[in-house]
Amino acid sequence: MTLTPTLFDSATPPATPAVSTTAGPRPGISLTVYGLPAPQGSKRHVGNGVMIESSKKVKPWRQDVKQAALDAVQGLADWTPLDGPLVASMVFTFARPKGHYRTGRNAHLLRDGAPPRPHGMPDLSKILRCTEDSLKGIVWHDDARVVGYGRLGKFYAGTDAADVLSMPGCVIRVWPLDDAAEVQA
């Protein structure tokens, strides 16, 4: 299967997914989510067997991911959630803290000790879990179908790297395992 070059063009995330229309296996999909990536962490018991998420940021992030996924598949008349072994790529973008910048007339410059990538909270694995669960039934049948990752990471906004946004969010790409080698080549 030949995928369109815009499907995984990292220069600018597409507003709508670029999906191949050639015959063959189901095409991949690409979507961009804007919002603050949130970790799916611990739950707390509030009584009568009711458990709620500890983080108040989870629900808005899940809604942002679901809406972006629905928008991405909306224009595809015959879209059904992907099934079978899948490979995903998720690049999460975070705002750089103000403490990473100098002060005064050099406030636009990074401090010498500013880390190049986020290496603290939230945990990448917990953000990934929350994002995967949000795509269930829209992009894929279940996140258990994901057998590997092409690219997975946390970056600061404005970093010069593929799929890094200029504001907080995530670029998500999913394709069938059979097509993954072709896409990553």
C-alpha atoms as a PDB file:
ATOM      1  CA  MET A   1       0.000   0.000   0.000  1.00  0.00           C
ATOM      2  CA  THR A   2       1.242   3.460  -0.812  1.00  0.00           C
ATOM      3  CA  LEU A   3       0.456   6.135   1.749  1.00  0.00           C
ATOM      4  CA  THR A   4       0.114   9.737   0.735  1.00  0.00           C
ATOM      5  CA  PRO A   5       3.157  11.835   1.671  1.00  0.00           C
ATOM      6  CA  THR A   6       0.952  14.248   3.644  1.00  0.00           C
ATOM      7  CA  LEU A   7      -0.151  11.496   6.021  1.00  0.00           C
ATOM      8  CA  PHE A   8       3.065  11.700   8.002  1.00  0.00           C
ATOM      9  CA  ASP A   9       4.338  15.122   6.950  1.00  0.00           C
ATOM     10  CA  SER A  10       5.741  16.586  10.151  1.00  0.00           C
ATOM     11  CA  ALA A  11       6.109  20.188   8.986  1.00  0.00           C
ATOM     12  CA  THR A  12       2.576  21.190   9.935  1.00  0.00           C
ATOM     13  CA  PRO A  13      -0.006  18.920  11.497  1.00  0.00           C
ATOM     14  CA  PRO A  14      -3.003  18.554   9.186  1.00  0.00           C
ATOM     15  CA  ALA A  15      -6.314  20.027  10.295  1.00  0.00           C
ATOM     16  CA  THR A  16      -8.040  16.975   8.863  1.00  0.00           C
ATOM     17  CA  PRO A  17      -6.505  13.547   8.387  1.00  0.00           C
ATOM     18  CA  ALA A  18      -4.793  12.770   5.141  1.00  0.00           C
ATOM     19  CA  VAL A  19      -5.857   9.245   4.321  1.00  0.00           C
ATOM     20  CA  SER A  20      -4.805   7.161   1.356  1.00  0.00           C
ATOM     21  CA  THR A  21      -7.574   6.195  -1.037  1.00  0.00           C
ATOM     22  CA  THR A  22      -5.640   3.456  -2.828  1.00  0.00           C
ATOM     23  CA  ALA A  23      -6.785  -0.154  -2.702  1.00  0.00           C
ATOM     24  CA  GLY A  24      -5.239  -2.416  -0.124  1.00  0.00           C
ATOM     25  CA  PRO A  25      -5.118  -2.607   3.664  1.00  0.00           C
ATOM     26  CA  ARG A  26      -6.927   0.013   5.761  1.00  0.00           C
ATOM     27  CA  PRO A  27      -5.129   3.356   5.662  1.00  0.00           C
ATOM     28  CA  GLY A  28      -3.559   5.032   8.660  1.00  0.00           C
ATOM     29  CA  ILE A  29      -4.814   8.186  10.310  1.00  0.00           C
ATOM     30  CA  SER A  30      -3.233  11.319  11.717  1.00  0.00           C
ATOM     31  CA  LEU A  31      -4.741  13.809  14.138  1.00  0.00           C
ATOM     32  CA  THR A  32      -3.647  16.786  16.190  1.00  0.00           C
ATOM     33  CA  VAL A  33      -5.012  17.460  19.664  1.00  0.00           C
ATOM     34  CA  TYR A  34      -4.640  20.859  21.302  1.00  0.00           C
ATOM     35  CA  GLY A  35      -4.882  21.041  25.083  1.00  0.00           C
ATOM     36  CA  LEU A  36      -2.896  20.141  28.159  1.00  0.00           C
ATOM     37  CA  PRO A  37      -1.898  16.446  28.133  1.00  0.00           C
ATOM     38  CA  ALA A  38      -2.975  14.891  31.424  1.00  0.00           C
ATOM     39  CA  PRO A  39      -1.946  11.664  33.153  1.00  0.00           C
ATOM     40  CA  GLN A  40      -4.391   8.941  33.971  1.00  0.00           C
ATOM     41  CA  GLY A  41      -3.212   8.172  37.432  1.00  0.00           C
ATOM     42  CA  SER A  42      -4.583   6.909  40.641  1.00  0.00           C
ATOM     43  CA  LYS A  43      -8.224   6.911  41.553  1.00  0.00           C
ATOM     44  CA  ARG A  44      -9.630   7.720  44.950  1.00  0.00           C
ATOM     45  CA  HIS A  45     -12.573   6.176  46.746  1.00  0.00           C
ATOM     46  CA  VAL A  46     -15.361   8.615  47.584  1.00  0.00           C
ATOM     47  CA  GLY A  47     -17.755   6.165  49.189  1.00  0.00           C
ATOM     48  CA  ASN A  48     -20.419   3.651  48.189  1.00  0.00           C
ATOM     49  CA  GLY A  49     -17.979   1.941  45.831  1.00  0.00           C
ATOM     50  CA  VAL A  50     -17.516   5.086  43.739  1.00  0.00           C
ATOM     51  CA  MET A  51     -14.010   5.829  42.443  1.00  0.00           C
ATOM     52  CA  ILE A  52     -12.966   9.094  40.778  1.00  0.00           C
ATOM     53  CA  GLU A  53      -9.799  10.267  39.038  1.00  0.00           C
ATOM     54  CA  SER A  54      -7.320  12.004  41.323  1.00  0.00           C
ATOM     55  CA  SER A  55      -6.395  14.568  38.668  1.00  0.00           C
ATOM     56  CA  LYS A  56      -8.931  17.152  37.554  1.00  0.00           C
ATOM     57  CA  LYS A  57      -6.989  17.529  34.281  1.00  0.00           C
ATOM     58  CA  VAL A  58      -7.891  14.048  32.992  1.00  0.00           C
ATOM     59  CA  LYS A  59     -11.474  14.758  31.953  1.00  0.00           C
ATOM     60  CA  PRO A  60     -10.685  17.885  29.848  1.00  0.00           C
ATOM     61  CA  TRP A  61      -7.772  16.096  28.130  1.00  0.00           C
ATOM     62  CA  ARG A  62      -9.917  13.064  27.318  1.00  0.00           C
ATOM     63  CA  GLN A  63     -12.601  15.351  25.890  1.00  0.00           C
ATOM     64  CA  ASP A  64      -9.997  17.166  23.757  1.00  0.00           C
ATOM     65  CA  VAL A  65      -8.632  13.850  22.425  1.00  0.00           C
ATOM     66  CA  LYS A  66     -12.107  12.435  21.697  1.00  0.00           C
ATOM     67  CA  GLN A  67     -13.194  15.605  19.909  1.00  0.00           C
ATOM     68  CA  ALA A  68     -10.039  15.709  17.776  1.00  0.00           C
ATOM     69  CA  ALA A  69     -10.534  12.031  16.873  1.00  0.00           C
ATOM     70  CA  LEU A  70     -14.204  12.578  16.005  1.00  0.00           C
ATOM     71  CA  ASP A  71     -13.277  15.595  13.869  1.00  0.00           C
ATOM     72  CA  ALA A  72     -10.595  13.541  12.102  1.00  0.00           C
ATOM     73  CA  VAL A  73     -12.922  10.698  11.118  1.00  0.00           C
ATOM     74  CA  GLN A  74     -16.013  12.847  10.499  1.00  0.00           C
ATOM     75  CA  GLY A  75     -15.279  13.442   6.824  1.00  0.00           C
ATOM     76  CA  LEU A  76     -14.559   9.787   6.136  1.00  0.00           C
ATOM     77  CA  ALA A  77     -17.882   8.260   5.049  1.00  0.00           C
ATOM     78  CA  ASP A  78     -16.907   4.625   5.487  1.00  0.00           C
ATOM     79  CA  TRP A  79     -14.679   4.984   8.563  1.00  0.00           C
ATOM     80  CA  THR A  80     -14.730   2.193  11.114  1.00  0.00           C
ATOM     81  CA  PRO A  81     -12.305   1.949  14.034  1.00  0.00           C
ATOM     82  CA  LEU A  82      -9.010   0.290  13.112  1.00  0.00           C
ATOM     83  CA  ASP A  83      -8.638  -3.339  14.076  1.00  0.00           C
ATOM     84  CA  GLY A  84      -5.795  -5.831  14.003  1.00  0.00           C
ATOM     85  CA  PRO A  85      -2.199  -5.107  15.036  1.00  0.00           C
ATOM     86  CA  LEU A  86      -1.485  -1.374  15.024  1.00  0.00           C
ATOM     87  CA  VAL A  87       1.520   0.883  15.415  1.00  0.00           C
ATOM     88  CA  ALA A  88       1.043   4.314  16.957  1.00  0.00           C
ATOM     89  CA  SER A  89       3.099   7.445  17.292  1.00  0.00           C
ATOM     90  CA  MET A  90       2.324  10.056  19.946  1.00  0.00           C
ATOM     91  CA  VAL A  91       4.357  13.222  20.430  1.00  0.00           C
ATOM     92  CA  PHE A  92       3.219  15.246  23.448  1.00  0.00           C
ATOM     93  CA  THR A  93       3.993  18.963  23.631  1.00  0.00           C
ATOM     94  CA  PHE A  94       4.141  20.952  26.872  1.00  0.00           C
ATOM     95  CA  ALA A  95       4.626  24.646  27.581  1.00  0.00           C
ATOM     96  CA  ARG A  96       8.058  25.499  28.860  1.00  0.00           C
ATOM     97  CA  PRO A  97       7.944  26.828  32.472  1.00  0.00           C
ATOM     98  CA  LYS A  98       8.707  30.544  32.949  1.00  0.00           C
ATOM     99  CA  GLY A  99      11.564  29.563  35.263  1.00  0.00           C
ATOM    100  CA  HIS A 100      13.476  28.206  32.246  1.00  0.00           C
ATOM    101  CA  TYR A 101      13.858  31.740  30.874  1.00  0.00           C
ATOM    102  CA  ARG A 102      16.192  34.532  31.901  1.00  0.00           C
ATOM    103  CA  THR A 103      14.915  37.826  33.297  1.00  0.00           C
ATOM    104  CA  GLY A 104      14.946  41.460  32.237  1.00  0.00           C
ATOM    105  CA  ARG A 105      15.965  42.297  28.704  1.00  0.00           C
ATOM    106  CA  ASN A 106      17.039  38.669  28.171  1.00  0.00           C
ATOM    107  CA  ALA A 107      13.639  37.263  29.197  1.00  0.00           C
ATOM    108  CA  HIS A 108      13.212  35.754  25.727  1.00  0.00           C
ATOM    109  CA  LEU A 109      16.370  33.611  26.125  1.00  0.00           C
ATOM    110  CA  LEU A 110      16.574  30.242  27.858  1.00  0.00           C
ATOM    111  CA  ARG A 111      18.741  29.860  30.927  1.00  0.00           C
ATOM    112  CA  ASP A 112      21.897  27.814  30.396  1.00  0.00           C
ATOM    113  CA  GLY A 113      20.625  25.079  32.726  1.00  0.00           C
ATOM    114  CA  ALA A 114      17.162  24.781  31.145  1.00  0.00           C
ATOM    115  CA  PRO A 115      16.504  21.137  30.268  1.00  0.00           C
ATOM    116  CA  PRO A 116      15.973  20.363  26.575  1.00  0.00           C
ATOM    117  CA  ARG A 117      12.934  18.118  27.213  1.00  0.00           C
ATOM    118  CA  PRO A 118      10.412  17.664  30.032  1.00  0.00           C
ATOM    119  CA  HIS A 119      11.740  14.974  32.358  1.00  0.00           C
ATOM    120  CA  GLY A 120       9.453  15.331  35.349  1.00  0.00           C
ATOM    121  CA  MET A 121       5.764  15.026  36.004  1.00  0.00           C
ATOM    122  CA  PRO A 122       3.541  13.977  34.364  1.00  0.00           C
ATOM    123  CA  ASP A 123       4.743  10.469  33.603  1.00  0.00           C
ATOM    124  CA  LEU A 124       4.851   9.654  29.902  1.00  0.00           C
ATOM    125  CA  SER A 125       3.291   6.232  30.485  1.00  0.00           C
ATOM    126  CA  LYS A 126       0.328   7.744  32.344  1.00  0.00           C
ATOM    127  CA  ILE A 127      -0.281  10.391  29.665  1.00  0.00           C
ATOM    128  CA  LEU A 128      -0.092   7.661  27.053  1.00  0.00           C
ATOM    129  CA  ARG A 129      -2.630   5.510  28.925  1.00  0.00           C
ATOM    130  CA  CYS A 130      -5.112   8.369  29.185  1.00  0.00           C
ATOM    131  CA  THR A 131      -4.730   9.252  25.507  1.00  0.00           C
ATOM    132  CA  GLU A 132      -5.027   5.637  24.331  1.00  0.00           C
ATOM    133  CA  ASP A 133      -8.209   5.094  26.313  1.00  0.00           C
ATOM    134  CA  SER A 134      -9.725   8.242  24.806  1.00  0.00           C
ATOM    135  CA  LEU A 135      -9.316   6.878  21.261  1.00  0.00           C
ATOM    136  CA  LYS A 136     -11.236   3.655  21.965  1.00  0.00           C
ATOM    137  CA  GLY A 137     -14.164   3.123  19.642  1.00  0.00           C
ATOM    138  CA  ILE A 138     -13.209   6.079  17.435  1.00  0.00           C
ATOM    139  CA  VAL A 139      -9.709   5.475  16.043  1.00  0.00           C
ATOM    140  CA  TRP A 140      -9.330   1.847  17.128  1.00  0.00           C
ATOM    141  CA  HIS A 141     -11.494  -0.863  18.628  1.00  0.00           C
ATOM    142  CA  ASP A 142      -9.319  -1.081  21.721  1.00  0.00           C
ATOM    143  CA  ASP A 143      -5.870   0.124  22.743  1.00  0.00           C
ATOM    144  CA  ALA A 144      -4.888  -3.520  23.210  1.00  0.00           C
ATOM    145  CA  ARG A 145      -4.536  -3.563  19.388  1.00  0.00           C
ATOM    146  CA  VAL A 146      -1.418  -1.354  19.646  1.00  0.00           C
ATOM    147  CA  VAL A 147       1.615  -3.625  19.359  1.00  0.00           C
ATOM    148  CA  GLY A 148       4.306  -0.985  19.001  1.00  0.00           C
ATOM    149  CA  TYR A 149       5.198   2.678  18.845  1.00  0.00           C
ATOM    150  CA  GLY A 150       6.942   4.476  16.028  1.00  0.00           C
ATOM    151  CA  ARG A 151       7.652   7.620  18.037  1.00  0.00           C
ATOM    152  CA  LEU A 152       6.736   8.400  21.602  1.00  0.00           C
ATOM    153  CA  GLY A 153       7.945  11.339  23.629  1.00  0.00           C
ATOM    154  CA  LYS A 154       7.458  14.549  25.589  1.00  0.00           C
ATOM    155  CA  PHE A 155       8.792  17.832  24.205  1.00  0.00           C
ATOM    156  CA  TYR A 156       8.593  21.515  25.000  1.00  0.00           C
ATOM    157  CA  ALA A 157       6.627  23.735  22.612  1.00  0.00           C
ATOM    158  CA  GLY A 158       8.752  25.238  19.899  1.00  0.00           C
ATOM    159  CA  THR A 159      11.377  22.483  19.978  1.00  0.00           C
ATOM    160  CA  ASP A 160      12.773  21.871  16.519  1.00  0.00           C
ATOM    161  CA  ALA A 161      11.688  18.252  16.127  1.00  0.00           C
ATOM    162  CA  ALA A 162       9.109  16.395  14.047  1.00  0.00           C
ATOM    163  CA  ASP A 163       5.498  16.616  15.252  1.00  0.00           C
ATOM    164  CA  VAL A 164       6.250  19.087  18.061  1.00  0.00           C
ATOM    165  CA  LEU A 165       3.526  21.731  18.261  1.00  0.00           C
ATOM    166  CA  SER A 166       3.863  25.422  19.051  1.00  0.00           C
ATOM    167  CA  MET A 167       1.441  25.008  21.970  1.00  0.00           C
ATOM    168  CA  PRO A 168       0.487  22.184  24.357  1.00  0.00           C
ATOM    169  CA  GLY A 169      -1.121  19.167  22.745  1.00  0.00           C
ATOM    170  CA  CYS A 170      -0.277  15.968  20.907  1.00  0.00           C
ATOM    171  CA  VAL A 171       0.203  14.693  17.373  1.00  0.00           C
ATOM    172  CA  ILE A 172      -1.162  11.157  17.069  1.00  0.00           C
ATOM    173  CA  ARG A 173      -0.552   8.862  14.117  1.00  0.00           C
ATOM    174  CA  VAL A 174      -1.843   5.304  13.808  1.00  0.00           C
ATOM    175  CA  TRP A 175      -1.337   2.772  11.053  1.00  0.00           C
ATOM    176  CA  PRO A 176      -1.702  -0.976  10.560  1.00  0.00           C
ATOM    177  CA  LEU A 177       1.387  -3.011  11.452  1.00  0.00           C
ATOM    178  CA  ASP A 178       1.704  -4.196   7.826  1.00  0.00           C
ATOM    179  CA  ASP A 179       2.153  -0.590   6.679  1.00  0.00           C
ATOM    180  CA  ALA A 180       4.396   0.531   9.557  1.00  0.00           C
ATOM    181  CA  ALA A 181       7.669  -0.476   7.886  1.00  0.00           C
ATOM    182  CA  GLU A 182       6.677   1.488   4.782  1.00  0.00           C
ATOM    183  CA  VAL A 183       5.793   4.569   6.841  1.00  0.00           C
ATOM    184  CA  GLN A 184       8.940   4.495   8.977  1.00  0.00           C
ATOM    185  CA  ALA A 185      11.268   3.971   6.008  1.00  0.00           C
END
